[in-house]
Every structure is written in structure tokens, then in C-alpha cells.
N, C-alpha and C. Protein backbone atom coordinates (compact mmCIF):
# COMPACT_ATOMS: atom_id res chain seq x y z
N MET A 1 14.38 -44.98 -92.94
CA MET A 1 14.20 -43.54 -93.12
C MET A 1 14.89 -42.80 -91.98
N ASN A 2 15.58 -41.72 -92.30
CA ASN A 2 16.27 -40.92 -91.29
C ASN A 2 15.28 -40.05 -90.53
N SER A 3 15.47 -39.98 -89.22
CA SER A 3 14.67 -39.07 -88.42
C SER A 3 15.22 -37.66 -88.59
N SER A 4 14.44 -36.69 -88.18
CA SER A 4 14.90 -35.30 -88.32
C SER A 4 16.13 -35.04 -87.47
N ILE A 5 16.29 -35.74 -86.36
CA ILE A 5 17.47 -35.55 -85.52
C ILE A 5 18.72 -36.05 -86.23
N SER A 6 18.60 -37.15 -86.96
CA SER A 6 19.73 -37.69 -87.71
C SER A 6 20.14 -36.73 -88.83
N ILE A 7 19.16 -36.20 -89.52
CA ILE A 7 19.43 -35.23 -90.58
C ILE A 7 20.05 -33.97 -89.99
N PHE A 8 19.49 -33.52 -88.86
CA PHE A 8 20.02 -32.32 -88.21
C PHE A 8 21.48 -32.51 -87.82
N ARG A 9 21.82 -33.67 -87.28
CA ARG A 9 23.20 -33.91 -86.87
C ARG A 9 24.16 -33.84 -88.05
N LYS A 10 23.74 -34.39 -89.18
CA LYS A 10 24.59 -34.34 -90.39
C LYS A 10 24.76 -32.90 -90.87
N VAL A 11 23.67 -32.14 -90.87
CA VAL A 11 23.74 -30.74 -91.29
C VAL A 11 24.60 -29.94 -90.30
N ALA A 12 24.48 -30.22 -89.01
CA ALA A 12 25.25 -29.50 -88.00
C ALA A 12 26.75 -29.70 -88.21
N VAL A 13 27.15 -30.93 -88.50
CA VAL A 13 28.58 -31.20 -88.74
C VAL A 13 29.04 -30.48 -90.00
N ALA A 14 28.25 -30.54 -91.07
CA ALA A 14 28.62 -29.86 -92.32
C ALA A 14 28.70 -28.35 -92.10
N GLU A 15 27.76 -27.79 -91.34
CA GLU A 15 27.77 -26.35 -91.06
C GLU A 15 29.00 -25.99 -90.23
N GLY A 16 29.34 -26.82 -89.26
CA GLY A 16 30.52 -26.57 -88.44
C GLY A 16 31.80 -26.59 -89.26
N ILE A 17 31.90 -27.55 -90.17
CA ILE A 17 33.07 -27.64 -91.05
C ILE A 17 33.15 -26.41 -91.95
N SER A 18 32.01 -26.01 -92.52
CA SER A 18 32.03 -24.85 -93.42
C SER A 18 32.42 -23.58 -92.67
N TYR A 19 32.00 -23.48 -91.41
CA TYR A 19 32.35 -22.30 -90.60
C TYR A 19 33.86 -22.26 -90.35
N LEU A 20 34.42 -23.42 -90.01
CA LEU A 20 35.87 -23.48 -89.79
C LEU A 20 36.65 -23.18 -91.06
N LEU A 21 36.18 -23.70 -92.19
CA LEU A 21 36.84 -23.40 -93.47
C LEU A 21 36.78 -21.90 -93.77
N LEU A 22 35.64 -21.31 -93.50
CA LEU A 22 35.49 -19.87 -93.73
C LEU A 22 36.42 -19.06 -92.85
N LEU A 23 36.44 -19.38 -91.55
CA LEU A 23 37.26 -18.60 -90.61
C LEU A 23 38.75 -18.81 -90.77
N PHE A 24 39.15 -20.07 -90.94
CA PHE A 24 40.58 -20.38 -90.85
C PHE A 24 41.28 -20.61 -92.18
N ILE A 25 40.53 -20.70 -93.26
CA ILE A 25 41.16 -20.86 -94.57
C ILE A 25 40.76 -19.72 -95.51
N ALA A 26 39.46 -19.54 -95.72
CA ALA A 26 39.01 -18.55 -96.70
C ALA A 26 39.34 -17.12 -96.29
N MET A 27 39.08 -16.78 -95.02
CA MET A 27 39.37 -15.40 -94.62
C MET A 27 40.87 -15.07 -94.65
N PRO A 28 41.74 -15.95 -94.16
CA PRO A 28 43.17 -15.66 -94.33
C PRO A 28 43.59 -15.54 -95.80
N LEU A 29 43.01 -16.38 -96.66
CA LEU A 29 43.32 -16.26 -98.09
C LEU A 29 42.89 -14.90 -98.63
N LYS A 30 41.75 -14.43 -98.18
CA LYS A 30 41.27 -13.13 -98.65
C LYS A 30 42.19 -12.00 -98.19
N TYR A 31 42.53 -12.00 -96.91
CA TYR A 31 43.25 -10.86 -96.36
C TYR A 31 44.77 -10.96 -96.49
N PHE A 32 45.32 -12.15 -96.57
CA PHE A 32 46.78 -12.27 -96.64
C PHE A 32 47.29 -12.67 -98.02
N ALA A 33 46.42 -13.26 -98.86
CA ALA A 33 46.85 -13.69 -100.19
C ALA A 33 46.06 -13.00 -101.30
N ASN A 34 45.26 -12.02 -100.90
CA ASN A 34 44.46 -11.25 -101.87
C ASN A 34 43.62 -12.16 -102.78
N MET A 35 42.91 -13.11 -102.14
CA MET A 35 42.05 -14.04 -102.86
C MET A 35 40.61 -13.94 -102.33
N PRO A 36 39.90 -12.86 -102.68
CA PRO A 36 38.56 -12.65 -102.13
C PRO A 36 37.53 -13.70 -102.56
N LEU A 37 37.77 -14.39 -103.66
CA LEU A 37 36.81 -15.40 -104.10
C LEU A 37 36.70 -16.57 -103.12
N ALA A 38 37.75 -16.79 -102.34
CA ALA A 38 37.70 -17.86 -101.35
C ALA A 38 36.57 -17.60 -100.35
N VAL A 39 36.44 -16.36 -99.91
CA VAL A 39 35.38 -16.00 -98.98
C VAL A 39 34.03 -15.99 -99.68
N LYS A 40 34.01 -15.54 -100.92
CA LYS A 40 32.74 -15.49 -101.65
C LYS A 40 32.10 -16.87 -101.73
N TYR A 41 32.83 -17.86 -102.18
CA TYR A 41 32.27 -19.18 -102.39
C TYR A 41 32.10 -19.96 -101.08
N THR A 42 33.09 -19.89 -100.21
CA THR A 42 32.97 -20.57 -98.93
C THR A 42 31.86 -19.92 -98.10
N GLY A 43 31.77 -18.60 -98.16
CA GLY A 43 30.71 -17.90 -97.43
C GLY A 43 29.33 -18.24 -97.95
N TRP A 44 29.22 -18.38 -99.26
CA TRP A 44 27.94 -18.76 -99.85
C TRP A 44 27.52 -20.16 -99.37
N ALA A 45 28.46 -21.09 -99.40
CA ALA A 45 28.17 -22.47 -98.96
C ALA A 45 27.82 -22.48 -97.47
N HIS A 46 28.58 -21.73 -96.68
CA HIS A 46 28.31 -21.67 -95.24
C HIS A 46 26.93 -21.05 -94.97
N GLY A 47 26.58 -20.02 -95.71
CA GLY A 47 25.28 -19.39 -95.54
C GLY A 47 24.14 -20.36 -95.82
N LEU A 48 24.28 -21.13 -96.88
CA LEU A 48 23.27 -22.14 -97.21
C LEU A 48 23.18 -23.19 -96.10
N LEU A 49 24.32 -23.66 -95.62
CA LEU A 49 24.32 -24.65 -94.56
C LEU A 49 23.77 -24.08 -93.25
N PHE A 50 24.00 -22.80 -92.99
CA PHE A 50 23.46 -22.17 -91.79
C PHE A 50 21.93 -22.14 -91.84
N VAL A 51 21.37 -21.82 -93.00
CA VAL A 51 19.92 -21.81 -93.17
C VAL A 51 19.37 -23.24 -93.00
N LEU A 52 20.06 -24.22 -93.57
CA LEU A 52 19.66 -25.62 -93.40
C LEU A 52 19.75 -26.04 -91.93
N TYR A 53 20.77 -25.57 -91.23
CA TYR A 53 20.93 -25.85 -89.80
C TYR A 53 19.70 -25.34 -89.05
N ALA A 54 19.32 -24.11 -89.31
CA ALA A 54 18.16 -23.53 -88.62
C ALA A 54 16.88 -24.29 -88.97
N ALA A 55 16.69 -24.62 -90.23
CA ALA A 55 15.47 -25.31 -90.66
C ALA A 55 15.39 -26.72 -90.08
N THR A 56 16.49 -27.45 -90.13
CA THR A 56 16.46 -28.81 -89.60
C THR A 56 16.41 -28.80 -88.07
N LEU A 57 16.92 -27.74 -87.44
CA LEU A 57 16.78 -27.59 -86.00
C LEU A 57 15.30 -27.47 -85.62
N VAL A 58 14.56 -26.68 -86.36
CA VAL A 58 13.12 -26.52 -86.09
C VAL A 58 12.41 -27.86 -86.23
N LEU A 59 12.75 -28.62 -87.28
CA LEU A 59 12.11 -29.92 -87.48
C LEU A 59 12.46 -30.88 -86.33
N ALA A 60 13.71 -30.92 -85.94
CA ALA A 60 14.13 -31.80 -84.84
C ALA A 60 13.49 -31.36 -83.53
N TRP A 61 13.39 -30.07 -83.31
CA TRP A 61 12.78 -29.51 -82.10
C TRP A 61 11.33 -29.98 -81.99
N GLN A 62 10.62 -29.92 -83.09
CA GLN A 62 9.23 -30.36 -83.09
C GLN A 62 9.12 -31.87 -82.88
N GLU A 63 9.94 -32.62 -83.59
CA GLU A 63 9.88 -34.08 -83.48
C GLU A 63 10.27 -34.57 -82.09
N GLN A 64 11.31 -33.97 -81.53
CA GLN A 64 11.83 -34.42 -80.24
C GLN A 64 11.12 -33.77 -79.05
N LYS A 65 10.31 -32.75 -79.33
CA LYS A 65 9.57 -32.03 -78.28
C LYS A 65 10.52 -31.46 -77.22
N TRP A 66 11.61 -30.84 -77.73
CA TRP A 66 12.56 -30.21 -76.83
C TRP A 66 11.95 -28.96 -76.22
N LYS A 67 12.48 -28.58 -75.07
CA LYS A 67 12.07 -27.31 -74.47
C LYS A 67 12.66 -26.18 -75.31
N PHE A 68 12.02 -25.02 -75.23
CA PHE A 68 12.44 -23.85 -76.00
C PHE A 68 13.90 -23.50 -75.70
N GLY A 69 14.28 -23.54 -74.43
CA GLY A 69 15.64 -23.19 -74.03
C GLY A 69 16.70 -24.07 -74.68
N LYS A 70 16.40 -25.35 -74.78
CA LYS A 70 17.35 -26.28 -75.42
C LYS A 70 17.51 -25.93 -76.89
N ALA A 71 16.40 -25.67 -77.56
CA ALA A 71 16.47 -25.30 -78.99
C ALA A 71 17.26 -24.01 -79.18
N VAL A 72 17.07 -23.05 -78.28
CA VAL A 72 17.81 -21.79 -78.38
C VAL A 72 19.30 -22.02 -78.18
N LEU A 73 19.66 -22.83 -77.20
CA LEU A 73 21.09 -23.12 -76.97
C LEU A 73 21.72 -23.82 -78.18
N ILE A 74 20.98 -24.75 -78.76
CA ILE A 74 21.50 -25.45 -79.94
C ILE A 74 21.65 -24.47 -81.10
N PHE A 75 20.71 -23.53 -81.24
CA PHE A 75 20.85 -22.52 -82.28
C PHE A 75 22.06 -21.63 -82.02
N LEU A 76 22.23 -21.19 -80.79
CA LEU A 76 23.37 -20.33 -80.46
C LEU A 76 24.70 -21.04 -80.70
N ALA A 77 24.70 -22.36 -80.58
CA ALA A 77 25.92 -23.14 -80.84
C ALA A 77 26.40 -22.96 -82.27
N SER A 78 25.48 -22.67 -83.18
CA SER A 78 25.88 -22.49 -84.58
C SER A 78 26.71 -21.23 -84.78
N LEU A 79 26.70 -20.35 -83.80
CA LEU A 79 27.44 -19.09 -83.91
C LEU A 79 28.87 -19.19 -83.39
N LEU A 80 29.19 -20.29 -82.74
CA LEU A 80 30.54 -20.49 -82.19
C LEU A 80 31.28 -21.53 -83.03
N PRO A 81 32.54 -21.29 -83.34
CA PRO A 81 33.25 -22.13 -84.30
C PRO A 81 33.22 -23.64 -84.06
N PHE A 82 33.45 -24.13 -82.87
CA PHE A 82 33.53 -25.57 -82.65
C PHE A 82 32.29 -26.16 -81.99
N ALA A 83 31.34 -25.32 -81.63
CA ALA A 83 30.16 -25.77 -80.89
C ALA A 83 29.25 -26.75 -81.65
N PRO A 84 29.09 -26.65 -82.97
CA PRO A 84 28.24 -27.66 -83.63
C PRO A 84 28.73 -29.10 -83.44
N PHE A 85 30.03 -29.28 -83.28
CA PHE A 85 30.57 -30.61 -83.04
C PHE A 85 30.24 -31.10 -81.64
N VAL A 86 30.22 -30.18 -80.69
CA VAL A 86 29.81 -30.51 -79.31
C VAL A 86 28.34 -30.88 -79.30
N VAL A 87 27.51 -30.12 -80.01
CA VAL A 87 26.08 -30.42 -80.10
C VAL A 87 25.89 -31.80 -80.71
N ASP A 88 26.60 -32.11 -81.77
CA ASP A 88 26.48 -33.42 -82.41
C ASP A 88 26.81 -34.53 -81.42
N LYS A 89 27.89 -34.38 -80.68
CA LYS A 89 28.29 -35.41 -79.71
C LYS A 89 27.24 -35.56 -78.63
N LYS A 90 26.73 -34.46 -78.11
CA LYS A 90 25.72 -34.53 -77.04
C LYS A 90 24.44 -35.19 -77.55
N LEU A 91 24.02 -34.86 -78.76
CA LEU A 91 22.81 -35.48 -79.31
C LEU A 91 23.02 -36.97 -79.57
N LYS A 92 24.23 -37.33 -80.00
CA LYS A 92 24.55 -38.73 -80.22
C LYS A 92 24.53 -39.50 -78.90
N ASP A 93 25.13 -38.91 -77.86
CA ASP A 93 25.13 -39.54 -76.53
C ASP A 93 23.72 -39.65 -75.97
N GLU A 94 22.93 -38.60 -76.18
CA GLU A 94 21.55 -38.58 -75.71
C GLU A 94 20.74 -39.68 -76.39
N ARG A 95 20.94 -39.84 -77.69
CA ARG A 95 20.21 -40.88 -78.44
C ARG A 95 20.63 -42.27 -77.96
N ARG A 96 21.93 -42.46 -77.72
CA ARG A 96 22.43 -43.75 -77.25
C ARG A 96 21.86 -44.05 -75.86
N GLU A 97 21.83 -43.05 -74.99
CA GLU A 97 21.28 -43.22 -73.64
C GLU A 97 19.80 -43.59 -73.69
N ASN A 98 19.05 -42.91 -74.55
CA ASN A 98 17.63 -43.21 -74.69
C ASN A 98 17.41 -44.62 -75.23
N ALA A 99 18.26 -45.06 -76.14
CA ALA A 99 18.14 -46.40 -76.69
C ALA A 99 18.44 -47.44 -75.62
N ASN A 100 19.43 -47.18 -74.78
CA ASN A 100 19.78 -48.12 -73.71
C ASN A 100 18.68 -48.19 -72.64
N ASN A 101 18.01 -47.06 -72.39
CA ASN A 101 16.94 -47.03 -71.39
C ASN A 101 15.69 -47.75 -71.88
N SER A 102 15.50 -47.84 -73.18
CA SER A 102 14.30 -48.46 -73.72
C SER A 102 14.43 -49.98 -73.85
N ILE A 103 15.64 -50.49 -73.60
CA ILE A 103 15.85 -51.95 -73.72
C ILE A 103 15.34 -52.65 -72.47
């Protein structure tokens, strides 16, 4: 069974990808190629993934017993284009470090 942190990491990567698609593909298509539907559908998918990011963050925060400040920083990372990938890497490294310390 996946822990909430594992699920959160997967959602974070998907949310990060959707954000990049929205910013660097859909928005240019809307404004330079007159294709507003690109933003409509990509924006809808990104919005759904953003809500899932927030919800799974709360679950991981509770399970991992993170401090409030850490949870806030991880949430703020969702607002920056490449930051969810940094969060994923840090959480992966943190999990690996914890596993090595428990051996």
C-alpha cells in the first residue's frame, strides 16, 4: 500500500508537469496561435491537480507530522513553475536518508 507521502510525490510531479504545459505550451497557443481551448482544457486539468496537490499535502503533513512551516513551504512550491520537482527530489532524498538511518 502506498503511503500518503508516496501519493503526494506522484501528484506533485503531475501538478508540476501540468503547470509547465499550461505556461509554456497552452498559453502561447492561446495568445500566439489563437487557440483558447488549449488553456481551457490544460487549465482545467491543472486546477484539478492543484486541488489534489493541496489535499494530498494535508494528508502527508498529518502522516509525517511535519512542522507547519515545512507544509507551508511545500504548498508555496506549487506556485512556482519548477519547484514541485525540487520538492519531489527533497522528499525522495529525505525518505532515503530516513531508511538508511533505520538500518
